[in-house]
């Protein structure tokens, strides 16, 4: 049997893709507009997707689809309920970003704790050149060593964060689920983590329960010196509330690699923040060349396992 494989957004992955070991026809589309999805997957057996949304309404018009291979860890773009009901296997990528995302998060943490952007502004403004001593003391510098990192989400990325944090001499607190009635061993109540942490880093998937899990109330619990890092999903945080918290000094800074709508069209409150204590990068924490190649290899592994009758990395 020859399988038809359609990759809807091949431009989202810069890596060498090896050919699967079974008979197949492989069709790449660099990008796919929403109105073109149905036509492109109607004859497909296997669909590869990174960020193109696959709703139940779309999938109902493509009855040949038996597998969706998500070229990412997050699966909020796929209607999982429809797939369960109609026997469509959904597999995702796991563990590929265990180095690249923590490194990116720590890059932002270091820059914010040590006021890197602010120092650059001051040098450009000539403040160092006009001072009477060898150094400039216009902004505070804080070490990561001895500070507390609060982790929200404790999968492979959370564990990767903990490994780096301990190497820096940080204390790590892992947050229990928000609103949980009981607290598991080695976890700390969600609100306590927010109140105690010097740096809070988000590594949890986007679900109805985690949407806007950080908002005005949560910013009110944080230390004024706290920093928030988000390399997970934009909608975990109420972006308008974050903008207020940063402008008002409610928290000391934030580093974000994600927004609620990507790419951001029609404005976003975070795009207007021209502050030395806010860093925004365009969803690239995951995208080291090494990580993308690992992702590509695992993607083909998932497809081959499905065709062999032993699906792996199945999302239920």
C-alpha atoms as a PDB file:
ATOM      1  CA  UNK A   1       0.000   0.000   0.000  1.00  0.00           C
ATOM      2  CA  UNK A   2       1.297   3.439  -0.934  1.00  0.00           C
ATOM      3  CA  UNK A   3       0.649   6.194   1.613  1.00  0.00           C
ATOM      4  CA  UNK A   4       0.161   9.828   0.682  1.00  0.00           C
ATOM      5  CA  UNK A   5       1.861  12.200   3.120  1.00  0.00           C
ATOM      6  CA  UNK A   6       1.140  15.933   3.024  1.00  0.00           C
ATOM      7  CA  UNK A   7       3.226  18.465   4.977  1.00  0.00           C
ATOM      8  CA  UNK A   8       1.131  21.641   5.232  1.00  0.00           C
ATOM      9  CA  UNK A   9       3.796  24.066   6.520  1.00  0.00           C
ATOM     10  CA  UNK A  10       7.218  22.729   5.546  1.00  0.00           C
ATOM     11  CA  UNK A  11       8.754  26.215   5.829  1.00  0.00           C
ATOM     12  CA  UNK A  12       8.339  25.984   9.606  1.00  0.00           C
ATOM     13  CA  UNK A  13      11.117  23.382   9.833  1.00  0.00           C
ATOM     14  CA  UNK A  14      14.708  23.980   8.718  1.00  0.00           C
ATOM     15  CA  UNK A  15      16.098  20.443   8.695  1.00  0.00           C
ATOM     16  CA  UNK A  16      16.881  17.513   6.448  1.00  0.00           C
ATOM     17  CA  UNK A  17      13.901  15.157   6.198  1.00  0.00           C
ATOM     18  CA  UNK A  18      14.799  11.556   5.509  1.00  0.00           C
ATOM     19  CA  UNK A  19      12.418   9.564   3.356  1.00  0.00           C
ATOM     20  CA  UNK A  20      10.203   7.097   5.238  1.00  0.00           C
ATOM     21  CA  UNK A  21      11.081   3.437   4.745  1.00  0.00           C
ATOM     22  CA  UNK A  22       7.710   2.461   3.241  1.00  0.00           C
ATOM     23  CA  UNK A  23       6.115   3.138  -0.143  1.00  0.00           C
ATOM     24  CA  UNK A  24       4.774   6.670  -0.160  1.00  0.00           C
ATOM     25  CA  UNK A  25       4.098   9.890  -2.018  1.00  0.00           C
ATOM     26  CA  UNK A  26       5.340  12.955  -0.114  1.00  0.00           C
ATOM     27  CA  UNK A  27       3.915  16.398  -0.882  1.00  0.00           C
ATOM     28  CA  UNK A  28       5.407  19.539   0.673  1.00  0.00           C
ATOM     29  CA  UNK A  29       3.620  22.876   0.923  1.00  0.00           C
ATOM     30  CA  UNK A  30       5.807  25.667   2.271  1.00  0.00           C
ATOM     31  CA  UNK A  31       2.768  27.349   3.842  1.00  0.00           C
ATOM     32  CA  UNK A  32      -0.966  26.732   3.770  1.00  0.00           C
ATOM     33  CA  UNK A  33      -3.716  29.310   4.112  1.00  0.00           C
ATOM     34  CA  UNK A  34      -6.831  28.254   6.079  1.00  0.00           C
ATOM     35  CA  UNK A  35      -8.965  28.275   2.946  1.00  0.00           C
ATOM     36  CA  UNK A  36      -6.594  25.826   1.214  1.00  0.00           C
ATOM     37  CA  UNK A  37      -6.334  23.175   3.943  1.00  0.00           C
ATOM     38  CA  UNK A  38      -9.244  20.969   2.880  1.00  0.00           C
ATOM     39  CA  UNK A  39      -8.175  20.775  -0.761  1.00  0.00           C
ATOM     40  CA  UNK A  40      -4.622  19.870   0.215  1.00  0.00           C
ATOM     41  CA  UNK A  41      -5.450  17.078   2.696  1.00  0.00           C
ATOM     42  CA  UNK A  42      -8.507  15.545   1.008  1.00  0.00           C
ATOM     43  CA  UNK A  43      -6.469  12.748  -0.596  1.00  0.00           C
ATOM     44  CA  UNK A  44      -3.920  12.427   2.219  1.00  0.00           C
ATOM     45  CA  UNK A  45      -3.510   9.422   4.513  1.00  0.00           C
ATOM     46  CA  UNK A  46      -1.019  11.191   6.777  1.00  0.00           C
ATOM     47  CA  UNK A  47      -0.923  14.935   7.445  1.00  0.00           C
ATOM     48  CA  UNK A  48       2.115  16.693   8.898  1.00  0.00           C
ATOM     49  CA  UNK A  49       1.384  20.021  10.536  1.00  0.00           C
ATOM     50  CA  UNK A  50       3.150  22.480  12.767  1.00  0.00           C
ATOM     51  CA  UNK A  51       0.839  25.460  13.236  1.00  0.00           C
ATOM     52  CA  UNK A  52      -1.950  25.041  10.654  1.00  0.00           C
ATOM     53  CA  UNK A  53      -5.233  24.440  12.481  1.00  0.00           C
ATOM     54  CA  UNK A  54      -7.079  21.166  11.853  1.00  0.00           C
ATOM     55  CA  UNK A  55     -10.614  21.497  13.192  1.00  0.00           C
ATOM     56  CA  UNK A  56     -13.229  18.773  13.195  1.00  0.00           C
ATOM     57  CA  UNK A  57     -15.058  20.622  10.427  1.00  0.00           C
ATOM     58  CA  UNK A  58     -11.948  20.495   8.239  1.00  0.00           C
ATOM     59  CA  UNK A  59     -11.127  16.863   9.040  1.00  0.00           C
ATOM     60  CA  UNK A  60     -14.691  15.788   8.267  1.00  0.00           C
ATOM     61  CA  UNK A  61     -14.017  16.791   4.665  1.00  0.00           C
ATOM     62  CA  UNK A  62     -10.899  14.620   4.482  1.00  0.00           C
ATOM     63  CA  UNK A  63     -12.078  11.099   5.403  1.00  0.00           C
ATOM     64  CA  UNK A  64      -8.887   9.417   4.161  1.00  0.00           C
ATOM     65  CA  UNK A  65      -6.765  10.986   6.891  1.00  0.00           C
ATOM     66  CA  UNK A  66      -5.733   8.327   9.406  1.00  0.00           C
ATOM     67  CA  UNK A  67      -2.796  10.044  11.085  1.00  0.00           C
ATOM     68  CA  UNK A  68      -1.823  13.593  12.012  1.00  0.00           C
ATOM     69  CA  UNK A  69       1.893  13.951  12.715  1.00  0.00           C
ATOM     70  CA  UNK A  70       2.329  17.194  14.638  1.00  0.00           C
ATOM     71  CA  UNK A  71       5.774  18.678  14.040  1.00  0.00           C
ATOM     72  CA  UNK A  72       5.796  20.186  17.529  1.00  0.00           C
ATOM     73  CA  UNK A  73       4.978  19.277  21.112  1.00  0.00           C
ATOM     74  CA  UNK A  74       1.828  21.375  21.520  1.00  0.00           C
ATOM     75  CA  UNK A  75      -1.316  19.939  19.944  1.00  0.00           C
ATOM     76  CA  UNK A  76      -3.843  22.726  20.587  1.00  0.00           C
ATOM     77  CA  UNK A  77      -4.086  23.238  16.799  1.00  0.00           C
ATOM     78  CA  UNK A  78      -5.759  19.831  16.382  1.00  0.00           C
ATOM     79  CA  UNK A  79      -9.328  18.908  17.324  1.00  0.00           C
ATOM     80  CA  UNK A  80      -8.348  15.960  19.512  1.00  0.00           C
ATOM     81  CA  UNK A  81     -11.934  15.098  20.430  1.00  0.00           C
ATOM     82  CA  UNK A  82     -12.845  14.684  16.752  1.00  0.00           C
ATOM     83  CA  UNK A  83      -9.744  12.567  16.167  1.00  0.00           C
ATOM     84  CA  UNK A  84     -10.561  10.243  19.078  1.00  0.00           C
ATOM     85  CA  UNK A  85     -14.124   9.822  17.861  1.00  0.00           C
ATOM     86  CA  UNK A  86     -13.048   9.032  14.294  1.00  0.00           C
ATOM     87  CA  UNK A  87      -9.993   6.901  14.976  1.00  0.00           C
ATOM     88  CA  UNK A  88      -7.386   9.381  13.733  1.00  0.00           C
ATOM     89  CA  UNK A  89      -4.024   8.884  15.433  1.00  0.00           C
ATOM     90  CA  UNK A  90      -2.334  12.091  16.562  1.00  0.00           C
ATOM     91  CA  UNK A  91       1.379  11.901  17.394  1.00  0.00           C
ATOM     92  CA  UNK A  92       3.543  14.754  18.617  1.00  0.00           C
ATOM     93  CA  UNK A  93       7.237  15.426  19.186  1.00  0.00           C
ATOM     94  CA  UNK A  94       8.704  14.982  22.645  1.00  0.00           C
ATOM     95  CA  UNK A  95      11.960  15.882  24.311  1.00  0.00           C
ATOM     96  CA  UNK A  96      13.564  17.513  21.263  1.00  0.00           C
ATOM     97  CA  UNK A  97      13.789  20.978  22.848  1.00  0.00           C
ATOM     98  CA  UNK A  98      15.180  19.937  26.226  1.00  0.00           C
ATOM     99  CA  UNK A  99      18.350  21.976  25.601  1.00  0.00           C
ATOM    100  CA  UNK A 100      17.315  24.772  23.267  1.00  0.00           C
ATOM    101  CA  UNK A 101      14.265  26.105  25.156  1.00  0.00           C
ATOM    102  CA  UNK A 102      15.948  26.192  28.596  1.00  0.00           C
ATOM    103  CA  UNK A 103      18.976  27.916  27.047  1.00  0.00           C
ATOM    104  CA  UNK A 104      16.726  30.564  25.500  1.00  0.00           C
ATOM    105  CA  UNK A 105      14.837  31.036  28.768  1.00  0.00           C
ATOM    106  CA  UNK A 106      18.092  31.448  30.682  1.00  0.00           C
ATOM    107  CA  UNK A 107      19.371  33.910  28.088  1.00  0.00           C
ATOM    108  CA  UNK A 108      16.370  36.121  28.838  1.00  0.00           C
ATOM    109  CA  UNK A 109      16.652  35.552  32.590  1.00  0.00           C
ATOM    110  CA  UNK A 110      20.301  36.614  32.633  1.00  0.00           C
ATOM    111  CA  UNK A 111      19.673  39.637  30.432  1.00  0.00           C
ATOM    112  CA  UNK A 112      16.809  40.824  32.653  1.00  0.00           C
ATOM    113  CA  UNK A 113      18.377  40.081  36.040  1.00  0.00           C
ATOM    114  CA  UNK A 114      21.553  41.906  34.975  1.00  0.00           C
ATOM    115  CA  UNK A 115      19.730  44.711  33.117  1.00  0.00           C
ATOM    116  CA  UNK A 116      21.545  44.078  29.844  1.00  0.00           C
ATOM    117  CA  UNK A 117      19.199  46.120  27.651  1.00  0.00           C
ATOM    118  CA  UNK A 118      19.186  49.002  30.110  1.00  0.00           C
ATOM    119  CA  UNK A 119      22.980  49.157  30.211  1.00  0.00           C
ATOM    120  CA  UNK A 120      23.098  49.202  26.437  1.00  0.00           C
ATOM    121  CA  UNK A 121      20.685  52.147  26.419  1.00  0.00           C
ATOM    122  CA  UNK A 122      22.772  54.033  28.972  1.00  0.00           C
ATOM    123  CA  UNK A 123      26.022  53.551  27.053  1.00  0.00           C
ATOM    124  CA  UNK A 124      24.344  54.661  23.831  1.00  0.00           C
ATOM    125  CA  UNK A 125      23.017  57.721  25.672  1.00  0.00           C
ATOM    126  CA  UNK A 126      26.552  58.634  26.779  1.00  0.00           C
ATOM    127  CA  UNK A 127      25.964  58.175  30.514  1.00  0.00           C
ATOM    128  CA  UNK A 128      29.093  56.062  31.056  1.00  0.00           C
ATOM    129  CA  UNK A 129      31.186  58.517  29.110  1.00  0.00           C
ATOM    130  CA  UNK A 130      30.077  61.366  31.400  1.00  0.00           C
ATOM    131  CA  UNK A 131      30.484  59.626  34.756  1.00  0.00           C
ATOM    132  CA  UNK A 132      33.279  60.535  37.170  1.00  0.00           C
ATOM    133  CA  UNK A 133      34.242  56.936  37.998  1.00  0.00           C
ATOM    134  CA  UNK A 134      35.163  53.765  36.155  1.00  0.00           C
ATOM    135  CA  UNK A 135      31.688  52.186  36.355  1.00  0.00           C
ATOM    136  CA  UNK A 136      28.061  53.252  36.112  1.00  0.00           C
ATOM    137  CA  UNK A 137      25.469  52.597  38.835  1.00  0.00           C
ATOM    138  CA  UNK A 138      22.277  53.741  37.135  1.00  0.00           C
ATOM    139  CA  UNK A 139      20.574  50.321  37.238  1.00  0.00           C
ATOM    140  CA  UNK A 140      20.489  47.360  39.615  1.00  0.00           C
ATOM    141  CA  UNK A 141      22.307  44.108  38.825  1.00  0.00           C
ATOM    142  CA  UNK A 142      21.131  40.860  40.424  1.00  0.00           C
ATOM    143  CA  UNK A 143      22.708  37.402  40.315  1.00  0.00           C
ATOM    144  CA  UNK A 144      20.838  34.242  39.456  1.00  0.00           C
ATOM    145  CA  UNK A 145      22.956  32.465  42.083  1.00  0.00           C
ATOM    146  CA  UNK A 146      21.058  32.348  45.351  1.00  0.00           C
ATOM    147  CA  UNK A 147      17.735  33.334  43.782  1.00  0.00           C
ATOM    148  CA  UNK A 148      14.601  31.193  43.482  1.00  0.00           C
ATOM    149  CA  UNK A 149      13.240  29.849  40.212  1.00  0.00           C
ATOM    150  CA  UNK A 150       9.549  28.947  40.101  1.00  0.00           C
ATOM    151  CA  UNK A 151       8.635  26.398  37.446  1.00  0.00           C
ATOM    152  CA  UNK A 152       5.077  26.175  36.147  1.00  0.00           C
ATOM    153  CA  UNK A 153       5.109  22.932  34.180  1.00  0.00           C
ATOM    154  CA  UNK A 154       7.457  20.071  34.982  1.00  0.00           C
ATOM    155  CA  UNK A 155       7.812  17.954  31.866  1.00  0.00           C
ATOM    156  CA  UNK A 156      11.034  17.514  29.937  1.00  0.00           C
ATOM    157  CA  UNK A 157      11.488  21.286  29.572  1.00  0.00           C
ATOM    158  CA  UNK A 158      10.847  21.883  33.247  1.00  0.00           C
ATOM    159  CA  UNK A 159      13.440  19.268  34.112  1.00  0.00           C
ATOM    160  CA  UNK A 160      15.859  20.893  31.667  1.00  0.00           C
ATOM    161  CA  UNK A 161      15.277  24.227  33.386  1.00  0.00           C
ATOM    162  CA  UNK A 162      15.926  22.692  36.789  1.00  0.00           C
ATOM    163  CA  UNK A 163      19.239  21.241  35.620  1.00  0.00           C
ATOM    164  CA  UNK A 164      20.487  24.641  34.449  1.00  0.00           C
ATOM    165  CA  UNK A 165      19.085  26.428  37.493  1.00  0.00           C
ATOM    166  CA  UNK A 166      20.923  24.146  39.878  1.00  0.00           C
ATOM    167  CA  UNK A 167      24.147  24.688  37.916  1.00  0.00           C
ATOM    168  CA  UNK A 168      23.655  28.440  38.470  1.00  0.00           C
ATOM    169  CA  UNK A 169      23.117  27.892  42.191  1.00  0.00           C
ATOM    170  CA  UNK A 170      19.400  28.676  42.161  1.00  0.00           C
ATOM    171  CA  UNK A 171      16.745  27.176  44.417  1.00  0.00           C
ATOM    172  CA  UNK A 172      13.939  25.558  42.407  1.00  0.00           C
ATOM    173  CA  UNK A 173      10.254  25.459  43.358  1.00  0.00           C
ATOM    174  CA  UNK A 174       7.866  23.448  41.167  1.00  0.00           C
ATOM    175  CA  UNK A 175       4.288  24.732  41.141  1.00  0.00           C
ATOM    176  CA  UNK A 176       1.344  22.436  41.719  1.00  0.00           C
ATOM    177  CA  UNK A 177      -1.590  22.845  39.312  1.00  0.00           C
ATOM    178  CA  UNK A 178      -3.404  26.114  39.856  1.00  0.00           C
ATOM    179  CA  UNK A 179      -6.329  25.611  42.212  1.00  0.00           C
ATOM    180  CA  UNK A 180      -5.379  22.013  43.071  1.00  0.00           C
ATOM    181  CA  UNK A 181      -6.998  20.691  46.253  1.00  0.00           C
ATOM    182  CA  UNK A 182      -3.931  18.659  47.209  1.00  0.00           C
ATOM    183  CA  UNK A 183      -0.226  19.248  46.692  1.00  0.00           C
ATOM    184  CA  UNK A 184       1.976  16.405  45.497  1.00  0.00           C
ATOM    185  CA  UNK A 185       5.267  15.550  47.125  1.00  0.00           C
ATOM    186  CA  UNK A 186       8.107  17.785  45.850  1.00  0.00           C
ATOM    187  CA  UNK A 187       5.595  20.338  44.555  1.00  0.00           C
ATOM    188  CA  UNK A 188       4.652  23.728  46.040  1.00  0.00           C
ATOM    189  CA  UNK A 189       1.213  25.399  45.953  1.00  0.00           C
ATOM    190  CA  UNK A 190       0.788  27.522  42.857  1.00  0.00           C
ATOM    191  CA  UNK A 191       0.210  30.795  44.704  1.00  0.00           C
ATOM    192  CA  UNK A 192       3.172  30.168  46.997  1.00  0.00           C
ATOM    193  CA  UNK A 193       5.493  29.739  44.026  1.00  0.00           C
ATOM    194  CA  UNK A 194       4.314  33.047  42.586  1.00  0.00           C
ATOM    195  CA  UNK A 195       4.881  34.792  45.919  1.00  0.00           C
ATOM    196  CA  UNK A 196       8.313  33.273  46.628  1.00  0.00           C
ATOM    197  CA  UNK A 197      10.031  33.108  43.229  1.00  0.00           C
ATOM    198  CA  UNK A 198      12.476  35.677  41.892  1.00  0.00           C
ATOM    199  CA  UNK A 199      12.022  34.246  38.395  1.00  0.00           C
ATOM    200  CA  UNK A 200       8.900  32.407  37.196  1.00  0.00           C
ATOM    201  CA  UNK A 201       9.169  30.344  34.008  1.00  0.00           C
ATOM    202  CA  UNK A 202       6.181  28.831  32.184  1.00  0.00           C
ATOM    203  CA  UNK A 203       6.448  25.397  30.542  1.00  0.00           C
ATOM    204  CA  UNK A 204       2.891  24.107  30.496  1.00  0.00           C
ATOM    205  CA  UNK A 205       0.634  23.333  27.511  1.00  0.00           C
ATOM    206  CA  UNK A 206      -2.266  25.591  26.574  1.00  0.00           C
ATOM    207  CA  UNK A 207      -5.578  24.064  27.643  1.00  0.00           C
ATOM    208  CA  UNK A 208      -8.906  25.546  28.766  1.00  0.00           C
ATOM    209  CA  UNK A 209      -7.610  25.239  32.344  1.00  0.00           C
ATOM    210  CA  UNK A 210      -4.309  27.031  31.690  1.00  0.00           C
ATOM    211  CA  UNK A 211      -5.569  29.828  29.461  1.00  0.00           C
ATOM    212  CA  UNK A 212      -4.789  33.167  31.170  1.00  0.00           C
ATOM    213  CA  UNK A 213      -3.468  31.314  34.229  1.00  0.00           C
ATOM    214  CA  UNK A 214      -1.349  34.416  34.862  1.00  0.00           C
ATOM    215  CA  UNK A 215      -3.360  37.622  35.081  1.00  0.00           C
ATOM    216  CA  UNK A 216      -3.836  40.701  37.258  1.00  0.00           C
ATOM    217  CA  UNK A 217      -4.472  38.610  40.379  1.00  0.00           C
ATOM    218  CA  UNK A 218      -1.316  36.575  39.873  1.00  0.00           C
ATOM    219  CA  UNK A 219       0.827  39.637  39.173  1.00  0.00           C
ATOM    220  CA  UNK A 220      -0.446  40.984  42.487  1.00  0.00           C
ATOM    221  CA  UNK A 221       1.018  37.959  44.258  1.00  0.00           C
ATOM    222  CA  UNK A 222       4.497  38.311  42.755  1.00  0.00           C
ATOM    223  CA  UNK A 223       7.407  40.196  44.234  1.00  0.00           C
ATOM    224  CA  UNK A 224       7.983  43.651  42.710  1.00  0.00           C
ATOM    225  CA  UNK A 225      11.464  42.329  41.873  1.00  0.00           C
ATOM    226  CA  UNK A 226      10.128  39.216  40.099  1.00  0.00           C
ATOM    227  CA  UNK A 227      10.673  38.351  36.440  1.00  0.00           C
ATOM    228  CA  UNK A 228       8.263  36.306  34.299  1.00  0.00           C
ATOM    229  CA  UNK A 229       9.541  34.139  31.437  1.00  0.00           C
ATOM    230  CA  UNK A 230       7.197  32.579  28.885  1.00  0.00           C
ATOM    231  CA  UNK A 231       8.565  30.256  26.207  1.00  0.00           C
ATOM    232  CA  UNK A 232       5.421  28.085  26.147  1.00  0.00           C
ATOM    233  CA  UNK A 233       2.207  29.629  24.771  1.00  0.00           C
ATOM    234  CA  UNK A 234       1.135  33.268  24.619  1.00  0.00           C
ATOM    235  CA  UNK A 235      -2.370  32.679  25.919  1.00  0.00           C
ATOM    236  CA  UNK A 236      -1.085  31.343  29.237  1.00  0.00           C
ATOM    237  CA  UNK A 237      -0.778  35.018  30.203  1.00  0.00           C
ATOM    238  CA  UNK A 238      -3.259  37.884  30.048  1.00  0.00           C
ATOM    239  CA  UNK A 239      -1.136  40.136  27.845  1.00  0.00           C
ATOM    240  CA  UNK A 240      -2.991  43.339  28.722  1.00  0.00           C
ATOM    241  CA  UNK A 241      -2.470  42.640  32.422  1.00  0.00           C
ATOM    242  CA  UNK A 242       1.234  42.001  31.795  1.00  0.00           C
ATOM    243  CA  UNK A 243       1.607  45.329  30.000  1.00  0.00           C
ATOM    244  CA  UNK A 244       0.036  47.080  32.993  1.00  0.00           C
ATOM    245  CA  UNK A 245       2.253  45.183  35.436  1.00  0.00           C
ATOM    246  CA  UNK A 246       5.412  46.163  33.562  1.00  0.00           C
ATOM    247  CA  UNK A 247       4.493  49.798  33.036  1.00  0.00           C
ATOM    248  CA  UNK A 248       3.431  50.240  36.654  1.00  0.00           C
ATOM    249  CA  UNK A 249       6.464  48.466  38.132  1.00  0.00           C
ATOM    250  CA  UNK A 250       4.304  45.755  39.659  1.00  0.00           C
ATOM    251  CA  UNK A 251       6.941  43.266  38.472  1.00  0.00           C
ATOM    252  CA  UNK A 252      10.545  43.917  37.482  1.00  0.00           C
ATOM    253  CA  UNK A 253      10.578  42.431  34.004  1.00  0.00           C
ATOM    254  CA  UNK A 254       9.451  39.795  31.542  1.00  0.00           C
ATOM    255  CA  UNK A 255      10.889  37.766  28.697  1.00  0.00           C
ATOM    256  CA  UNK A 256       8.444  36.335  26.147  1.00  0.00           C
ATOM    257  CA  UNK A 257       9.032  34.154  23.098  1.00  0.00           C
ATOM    258  CA  UNK A 258       5.332  33.714  22.353  1.00  0.00           C
ATOM    259  CA  UNK A 259       2.198  35.786  21.788  1.00  0.00           C
ATOM    260  CA  UNK A 260      -1.508  34.969  21.816  1.00  0.00           C
ATOM    261  CA  UNK A 261      -1.737  35.359  18.017  1.00  0.00           C
ATOM    262  CA  UNK A 262       1.238  34.431  15.832  1.00  0.00           C
ATOM    263  CA  UNK A 263       2.312  36.095  13.681  1.00  0.00           C
ATOM    264  CA  UNK A 264       0.843  39.148  15.446  1.00  0.00           C
ATOM    265  CA  UNK A 265      -1.573  40.961  13.153  1.00  0.00           C
ATOM    266  CA  UNK A 266      -3.792  43.849  14.136  1.00  0.00           C
ATOM    267  CA  UNK A 267      -1.721  44.872  17.126  1.00  0.00           C
ATOM    268  CA  UNK A 268      -0.845  43.381  20.482  1.00  0.00           C
ATOM    269  CA  UNK A 269      -0.264  45.235  23.764  1.00  0.00           C
ATOM    270  CA  UNK A 270       3.161  43.634  24.134  1.00  0.00           C
ATOM    271  CA  UNK A 271       4.357  44.878  20.752  1.00  0.00           C
ATOM    272  CA  UNK A 272       3.948  48.451  21.998  1.00  0.00           C
ATOM    273  CA  UNK A 273       6.198  47.924  25.039  1.00  0.00           C
ATOM    274  CA  UNK A 274       9.462  49.736  24.391  1.00  0.00           C
ATOM    275  CA  UNK A 275      10.947  49.031  27.801  1.00  0.00           C
ATOM    276  CA  UNK A 276      14.437  47.906  28.832  1.00  0.00           C
ATOM    277  CA  UNK A 277      12.879  45.349  31.180  1.00  0.00           C
ATOM    278  CA  UNK A 278      10.878  43.531  28.501  1.00  0.00           C
ATOM    279  CA  UNK A 279      12.325  41.150  25.905  1.00  0.00           C
ATOM    280  CA  UNK A 280      10.189  39.761  23.073  1.00  0.00           C
ATOM    281  CA  UNK A 281      11.522  37.189  20.610  1.00  0.00           C
ATOM    282  CA  UNK A 282       9.517  35.763  17.658  1.00  0.00           C
ATOM    283  CA  UNK A 283       8.788  32.173  18.823  1.00  0.00           C
ATOM    284  CA  UNK A 284      12.318  30.935  18.209  1.00  0.00           C
ATOM    285  CA  UNK A 285      13.295  29.356  21.539  1.00  0.00           C
ATOM    286  CA  UNK A 286      12.669  25.889  20.073  1.00  0.00           C
ATOM    287  CA  UNK A 287      14.472  26.480  16.800  1.00  0.00           C
ATOM    288  CA  UNK A 288      18.166  25.746  17.222  1.00  0.00           C
ATOM    289  CA  UNK A 289      19.444  23.831  14.202  1.00  0.00           C
ATOM    290  CA  UNK A 290      20.251  20.886  16.462  1.00  0.00           C
ATOM    291  CA  UNK A 291      16.758  20.803  17.935  1.00  0.00           C
ATOM    292  CA  UNK A 292      15.046  21.105  14.552  1.00  0.00           C
ATOM    293  CA  UNK A 293      17.015  18.176  13.169  1.00  0.00           C
ATOM    294  CA  UNK A 294      16.084  16.090  16.207  1.00  0.00           C
ATOM    295  CA  UNK A 295      12.454  17.081  15.621  1.00  0.00           C
ATOM    296  CA  UNK A 296      12.605  16.095  11.939  1.00  0.00           C
ATOM    297  CA  UNK A 297      14.122  12.701  12.745  1.00  0.00           C
ATOM    298  CA  UNK A 298      11.533  11.989  15.413  1.00  0.00           C
ATOM    299  CA  UNK A 299       8.734  13.120  13.099  1.00  0.00           C
ATOM    300  CA  UNK A 300       9.645  10.443  10.548  1.00  0.00           C
ATOM    301  CA  UNK A 301      10.069   7.906  13.370  1.00  0.00           C
ATOM    302  CA  UNK A 302       6.482   8.640  14.446  1.00  0.00           C
ATOM    303  CA  UNK A 303       5.156   8.190  10.905  1.00  0.00           C
ATOM    304  CA  UNK A 304       7.055   4.936  10.372  1.00  0.00           C
ATOM    305  CA  UNK A 305       5.804   3.574  13.695  1.00  0.00           C
ATOM    306  CA  UNK A 306       2.214   4.364  12.738  1.00  0.00           C
ATOM    307  CA  UNK A 307       2.500   2.628   9.370  1.00  0.00           C
ATOM    308  CA  UNK A 308       4.125  -0.378  11.101  1.00  0.00           C
ATOM    309  CA  UNK A 309       1.067  -0.665  13.353  1.00  0.00           C
ATOM    310  CA  UNK A 310       2.801   0.450  16.565  1.00  0.00           C
ATOM    311  CA  UNK A 311       1.986   4.163  16.921  1.00  0.00           C
ATOM    312  CA  UNK A 312       4.257   6.136  19.243  1.00  0.00           C
ATOM    313  CA  UNK A 313       4.012   9.515  20.984  1.00  0.00           C
ATOM    314  CA  UNK A 314       0.229   9.264  20.672  1.00  0.00           C
ATOM    315  CA  UNK A 315      -1.752  12.177  22.087  1.00  0.00           C
ATOM    316  CA  UNK A 316      -5.008  11.101  23.700  1.00  0.00           C
END
